[in-house]
């Protein structure tokens, strides 16, 4: 038995499709196979392959017949909660068993929630009153220019004054 979502990491809001594969390696038929998949918290079940019965966070396929050498595949689609935090492990366990044959097998798939780094919300505050920034430059022949750049909530204003020295 194998279980995988074919991913090592996921993000909040992403959809994962778990693939469960059960193979009868024996020669005889197993006629009472039960497959039970326990879905992790932080995901919501969105779709289950045919015959699956959902109860809470558990999906069960019951009374399945599987011939010797035959392989069956089941699918479960889930959506990762948008509030899942960075580094959380989504651990999904599945079990297949036959009471009549005394057989049991399990597998687990773990996927880590990863939120892209380096992206942060930044709040900027614009001044409510103008802020003058004086700039002085020599213009040659003893003259000096003074410019004030004023930035305020209505935009940008520039005033230039020339003084003779």
C-alpha atoms as a PDB file:
ATOM      1  CA  UNK A   1       0.000   0.000   0.000  1.00  0.00           C
ATOM      2  CA  UNK A   2       1.195   3.497  -0.779  1.00  0.00           C
ATOM      3  CA  UNK A   3      -0.186   6.947  -0.126  1.00  0.00           C
ATOM      4  CA  UNK A   4       1.102  10.193  -1.609  1.00  0.00           C
ATOM      5  CA  UNK A   5       0.029  13.668  -2.637  1.00  0.00           C
ATOM      6  CA  UNK A   6       3.182  13.957  -4.792  1.00  0.00           C
ATOM      7  CA  UNK A   7       4.295  17.080  -2.884  1.00  0.00           C
ATOM      8  CA  UNK A   8       6.732  17.820  -0.093  1.00  0.00           C
ATOM      9  CA  UNK A   9       5.362  21.307   0.585  1.00  0.00           C
ATOM     10  CA  UNK A  10       2.111  23.171   0.058  1.00  0.00           C
ATOM     11  CA  UNK A  11       0.692  26.608   0.730  1.00  0.00           C
ATOM     12  CA  UNK A  12      -2.487  27.838   2.410  1.00  0.00           C
ATOM     13  CA  UNK A  13      -5.395  27.684  -0.045  1.00  0.00           C
ATOM     14  CA  UNK A  14      -3.758  25.069  -2.292  1.00  0.00           C
ATOM     15  CA  UNK A  15      -5.510  21.856  -3.331  1.00  0.00           C
ATOM     16  CA  UNK A  16      -3.844  18.493  -2.634  1.00  0.00           C
ATOM     17  CA  UNK A  17      -4.866  15.214  -4.256  1.00  0.00           C
ATOM     18  CA  UNK A  18      -3.964  12.177  -2.191  1.00  0.00           C
ATOM     19  CA  UNK A  19      -3.482   8.975  -4.182  1.00  0.00           C
ATOM     20  CA  UNK A  20      -3.925   5.701  -2.299  1.00  0.00           C
ATOM     21  CA  UNK A  21      -2.751   2.533  -4.045  1.00  0.00           C
ATOM     22  CA  UNK A  22      -3.540  -0.936  -2.709  1.00  0.00           C
ATOM     23  CA  UNK A  23      -2.038  -4.020  -4.349  1.00  0.00           C
ATOM     24  CA  UNK A  24      -2.883  -7.643  -3.615  1.00  0.00           C
ATOM     25  CA  UNK A  25       0.525  -9.307  -3.864  1.00  0.00           C
ATOM     26  CA  UNK A  26      -0.995 -12.705  -3.113  1.00  0.00           C
ATOM     27  CA  UNK A  27      -2.637 -15.203  -5.442  1.00  0.00           C
ATOM     28  CA  UNK A  28      -6.067 -15.403  -3.825  1.00  0.00           C
ATOM     29  CA  UNK A  29      -8.905 -12.913  -3.780  1.00  0.00           C
ATOM     30  CA  UNK A  30      -9.522 -10.720  -0.754  1.00  0.00           C
ATOM     31  CA  UNK A  31     -13.259 -10.072  -0.611  1.00  0.00           C
ATOM     32  CA  UNK A  32     -13.596  -7.926   2.523  1.00  0.00           C
ATOM     33  CA  UNK A  33     -10.984  -5.219   2.040  1.00  0.00           C
ATOM     34  CA  UNK A  34     -11.623  -2.021   4.017  1.00  0.00           C
ATOM     35  CA  UNK A  35      -9.552   1.102   3.308  1.00  0.00           C
ATOM     36  CA  UNK A  36      -9.683   3.851   5.942  1.00  0.00           C
ATOM     37  CA  UNK A  37      -8.094   7.248   5.301  1.00  0.00           C
ATOM     38  CA  UNK A  38      -7.701   9.703   8.179  1.00  0.00           C
ATOM     39  CA  UNK A  39      -7.475  13.266   6.878  1.00  0.00           C
ATOM     40  CA  UNK A  40      -5.307  15.768   8.793  1.00  0.00           C
ATOM     41  CA  UNK A  41      -6.639  18.892  10.433  1.00  0.00           C
ATOM     42  CA  UNK A  42      -6.066  22.148   8.522  1.00  0.00           C
ATOM     43  CA  UNK A  43      -7.593  20.705   5.338  1.00  0.00           C
ATOM     44  CA  UNK A  44     -11.152  20.438   4.049  1.00  0.00           C
ATOM     45  CA  UNK A  45     -12.293  17.449   1.980  1.00  0.00           C
ATOM     46  CA  UNK A  46     -13.464  18.607  -1.454  1.00  0.00           C
ATOM     47  CA  UNK A  47     -13.766  15.323  -3.380  1.00  0.00           C
ATOM     48  CA  UNK A  48     -13.509  11.565  -2.786  1.00  0.00           C
ATOM     49  CA  UNK A  49     -13.298   8.779  -5.358  1.00  0.00           C
ATOM     50  CA  UNK A  50     -16.291   6.524  -5.922  1.00  0.00           C
ATOM     51  CA  UNK A  51     -17.519   4.440  -3.004  1.00  0.00           C
ATOM     52  CA  UNK A  52     -15.851   6.483  -0.272  1.00  0.00           C
ATOM     53  CA  UNK A  53     -17.978   7.272   2.786  1.00  0.00           C
ATOM     54  CA  UNK A  54     -17.049  10.443   4.705  1.00  0.00           C
ATOM     55  CA  UNK A  55     -17.554  10.651   8.457  1.00  0.00           C
ATOM     56  CA  UNK A  56     -15.822  13.614  10.085  1.00  0.00           C
ATOM     57  CA  UNK A  57     -12.163  13.487   9.066  1.00  0.00           C
ATOM     58  CA  UNK A  58     -12.287   9.801   8.067  1.00  0.00           C
ATOM     59  CA  UNK A  59     -13.037   8.348   4.648  1.00  0.00           C
ATOM     60  CA  UNK A  60     -13.846   4.636   4.380  1.00  0.00           C
ATOM     61  CA  UNK A  61     -14.171   2.345   1.376  1.00  0.00           C
ATOM     62  CA  UNK A  62     -15.753  -0.941   2.545  1.00  0.00           C
ATOM     63  CA  UNK A  63     -16.339  -4.503   1.347  1.00  0.00           C
ATOM     64  CA  UNK A  64     -13.980  -4.269  -1.605  1.00  0.00           C
ATOM     65  CA  UNK A  65     -12.934  -7.368  -3.523  1.00  0.00           C
ATOM     66  CA  UNK A  66      -9.389  -7.412  -4.883  1.00  0.00           C
ATOM     67  CA  UNK A  67      -8.021 -10.346  -6.884  1.00  0.00           C
ATOM     68  CA  UNK A  68      -4.493 -11.709  -6.625  1.00  0.00           C
ATOM     69  CA  UNK A  69      -2.055  -9.384  -8.431  1.00  0.00           C
ATOM     70  CA  UNK A  70      -4.697  -6.658  -8.802  1.00  0.00           C
ATOM     71  CA  UNK A  71      -4.057  -3.000  -7.908  1.00  0.00           C
ATOM     72  CA  UNK A  72      -6.749  -0.527  -6.830  1.00  0.00           C
ATOM     73  CA  UNK A  73      -6.353   3.242  -6.615  1.00  0.00           C
ATOM     74  CA  UNK A  74      -8.408   5.697  -4.555  1.00  0.00           C
ATOM     75  CA  UNK A  75      -8.263   9.498  -4.602  1.00  0.00           C
ATOM     76  CA  UNK A  76      -9.030  12.147  -2.000  1.00  0.00           C
ATOM     77  CA  UNK A  77      -8.920  15.843  -2.842  1.00  0.00           C
ATOM     78  CA  UNK A  78      -8.518  18.378  -0.035  1.00  0.00           C
ATOM     79  CA  UNK A  79      -8.005  22.130   0.226  1.00  0.00           C
ATOM     80  CA  UNK A  80      -5.481  23.507   2.712  1.00  0.00           C
ATOM     81  CA  UNK A  81      -7.046  25.995   5.143  1.00  0.00           C
ATOM     82  CA  UNK A  82      -6.143  29.592   4.310  1.00  0.00           C
ATOM     83  CA  UNK A  83      -5.135  30.084   7.968  1.00  0.00           C
ATOM     84  CA  UNK A  84      -2.640  27.180   8.015  1.00  0.00           C
ATOM     85  CA  UNK A  85       0.589  28.507   9.496  1.00  0.00           C
ATOM     86  CA  UNK A  86       4.105  28.196   8.148  1.00  0.00           C
ATOM     87  CA  UNK A  87       5.895  24.979   9.108  1.00  0.00           C
ATOM     88  CA  UNK A  88       2.757  22.997  10.019  1.00  0.00           C
ATOM     89  CA  UNK A  89       2.855  19.300   9.096  1.00  0.00           C
ATOM     90  CA  UNK A  90      -0.154  17.795   7.342  1.00  0.00           C
ATOM     91  CA  UNK A  91       0.090  14.111   8.317  1.00  0.00           C
ATOM     92  CA  UNK A  92      -2.316  11.831   6.450  1.00  0.00           C
ATOM     93  CA  UNK A  93      -2.583   8.145   7.406  1.00  0.00           C
ATOM     94  CA  UNK A  94      -4.310   5.317   5.564  1.00  0.00           C
ATOM     95  CA  UNK A  95      -4.960   1.710   6.571  1.00  0.00           C
ATOM     96  CA  UNK A  96      -6.118  -1.284   4.533  1.00  0.00           C
ATOM     97  CA  UNK A  97      -7.299  -4.436   6.279  1.00  0.00           C
ATOM     98  CA  UNK A  98      -9.041  -7.730   5.714  1.00  0.00           C
ATOM     99  CA  UNK A  99     -10.660  -9.417   8.705  1.00  0.00           C
ATOM    100  CA  UNK A 100     -11.197 -12.704   6.824  1.00  0.00           C
ATOM    101  CA  UNK A 101      -7.558 -12.986   5.686  1.00  0.00           C
ATOM    102  CA  UNK A 102      -6.027 -11.369   8.783  1.00  0.00           C
ATOM    103  CA  UNK A 103      -4.200  -8.797   6.648  1.00  0.00           C
ATOM    104  CA  UNK A 104      -3.381  -5.194   7.467  1.00  0.00           C
ATOM    105  CA  UNK A 105      -1.149  -2.500   5.983  1.00  0.00           C
ATOM    106  CA  UNK A 106      -0.664   1.224   6.599  1.00  0.00           C
ATOM    107  CA  UNK A 107       1.078   4.198   5.027  1.00  0.00           C
ATOM    108  CA  UNK A 108       1.473   7.858   5.909  1.00  0.00           C
ATOM    109  CA  UNK A 109       2.083  10.963   3.817  1.00  0.00           C
ATOM    110  CA  UNK A 110       3.433  14.175   5.330  1.00  0.00           C
ATOM    111  CA  UNK A 111       3.323  17.544   3.591  1.00  0.00           C
ATOM    112  CA  UNK A 112       4.690  20.747   5.131  1.00  0.00           C
ATOM    113  CA  UNK A 113       2.853  24.079   4.877  1.00  0.00           C
ATOM    114  CA  UNK A 114       5.264  26.715   3.584  1.00  0.00           C
ATOM    115  CA  UNK A 115       4.471  30.396   3.301  1.00  0.00           C
ATOM    116  CA  UNK A 116       6.821  32.265   0.944  1.00  0.00           C
ATOM    117  CA  UNK A 117       9.324  34.386   2.906  1.00  0.00           C
ATOM    118  CA  UNK A 118      10.399  37.931   2.282  1.00  0.00           C
ATOM    119  CA  UNK A 119       6.913  39.228   1.640  1.00  0.00           C
ATOM    120  CA  UNK A 120       5.638  41.447   4.402  1.00  0.00           C
ATOM    121  CA  UNK A 121       2.888  44.006   4.580  1.00  0.00           C
ATOM    122  CA  UNK A 122       4.271  47.523   5.040  1.00  0.00           C
ATOM    123  CA  UNK A 123       2.182  50.465   6.172  1.00  0.00           C
ATOM    124  CA  UNK A 124       3.386  53.937   5.263  1.00  0.00           C
ATOM    125  CA  UNK A 125       2.108  57.162   6.725  1.00  0.00           C
ATOM    126  CA  UNK A 126       1.958  60.341   4.673  1.00  0.00           C
ATOM    127  CA  UNK A 127       2.579  63.581   6.577  1.00  0.00           C
ATOM    128  CA  UNK A 128      -0.535  65.616   7.297  1.00  0.00           C
ATOM    129  CA  UNK A 129       1.246  68.969   6.965  1.00  0.00           C
ATOM    130  CA  UNK A 130       3.888  70.132   4.471  1.00  0.00           C
ATOM    131  CA  UNK A 131       7.506  69.380   5.303  1.00  0.00           C
ATOM    132  CA  UNK A 132       9.997  71.846   3.745  1.00  0.00           C
ATOM    133  CA  UNK A 133      13.374  70.521   2.682  1.00  0.00           C
ATOM    134  CA  UNK A 134      15.813  73.381   1.966  1.00  0.00           C
ATOM    135  CA  UNK A 135      18.401  72.957  -0.768  1.00  0.00           C
ATOM    136  CA  UNK A 136      21.144  75.568  -1.296  1.00  0.00           C
ATOM    137  CA  UNK A 137      23.428  75.822  -4.314  1.00  0.00           C
ATOM    138  CA  UNK A 138      25.986  78.374  -5.453  1.00  0.00           C
ATOM    139  CA  UNK A 139      25.175  79.697  -8.920  1.00  0.00           C
ATOM    140  CA  UNK A 140      28.404  81.566  -9.595  1.00  0.00           C
ATOM    141  CA  UNK A 141      29.294  85.292  -9.458  1.00  0.00           C
ATOM    142  CA  UNK A 142      28.301  85.481  -5.837  1.00  0.00           C
ATOM    143  CA  UNK A 143      24.667  84.501  -6.293  1.00  0.00           C
ATOM    144  CA  UNK A 144      23.073  81.752  -4.238  1.00  0.00           C
ATOM    145  CA  UNK A 145      19.853  79.910  -4.981  1.00  0.00           C
ATOM    146  CA  UNK A 146      17.725  78.427  -2.258  1.00  0.00           C
ATOM    147  CA  UNK A 147      15.056  75.935  -3.164  1.00  0.00           C
ATOM    148  CA  UNK A 148      12.436  74.568  -0.847  1.00  0.00           C
ATOM    149  CA  UNK A 149      10.753  71.361  -1.751  1.00  0.00           C
ATOM    150  CA  UNK A 150       7.528  70.932   0.137  1.00  0.00           C
ATOM    151  CA  UNK A 151       5.825  67.565   0.241  1.00  0.00           C
ATOM    152  CA  UNK A 152       2.376  67.328   1.693  1.00  0.00           C
ATOM    153  CA  UNK A 153      -0.869  65.444   1.348  1.00  0.00           C
ATOM    154  CA  UNK A 154      -1.835  67.446  -1.744  1.00  0.00           C
ATOM    155  CA  UNK A 155       1.330  66.723  -3.680  1.00  0.00           C
ATOM    156  CA  UNK A 156       4.724  68.328  -4.249  1.00  0.00           C
ATOM    157  CA  UNK A 157       5.500  72.073  -4.361  1.00  0.00           C
ATOM    158  CA  UNK A 158       8.847  73.619  -5.283  1.00  0.00           C
ATOM    159  CA  UNK A 159       9.868  77.231  -4.731  1.00  0.00           C
ATOM    160  CA  UNK A 160      13.207  78.665  -5.831  1.00  0.00           C
ATOM    161  CA  UNK A 161      14.623  81.960  -4.597  1.00  0.00           C
ATOM    162  CA  UNK A 162      17.800  83.590  -5.884  1.00  0.00           C
ATOM    163  CA  UNK A 163      19.849  85.792  -3.575  1.00  0.00           C
ATOM    164  CA  UNK A 164      22.768  87.998  -4.553  1.00  0.00           C
ATOM    165  CA  UNK A 165      25.625  87.979  -2.131  1.00  0.00           C
END
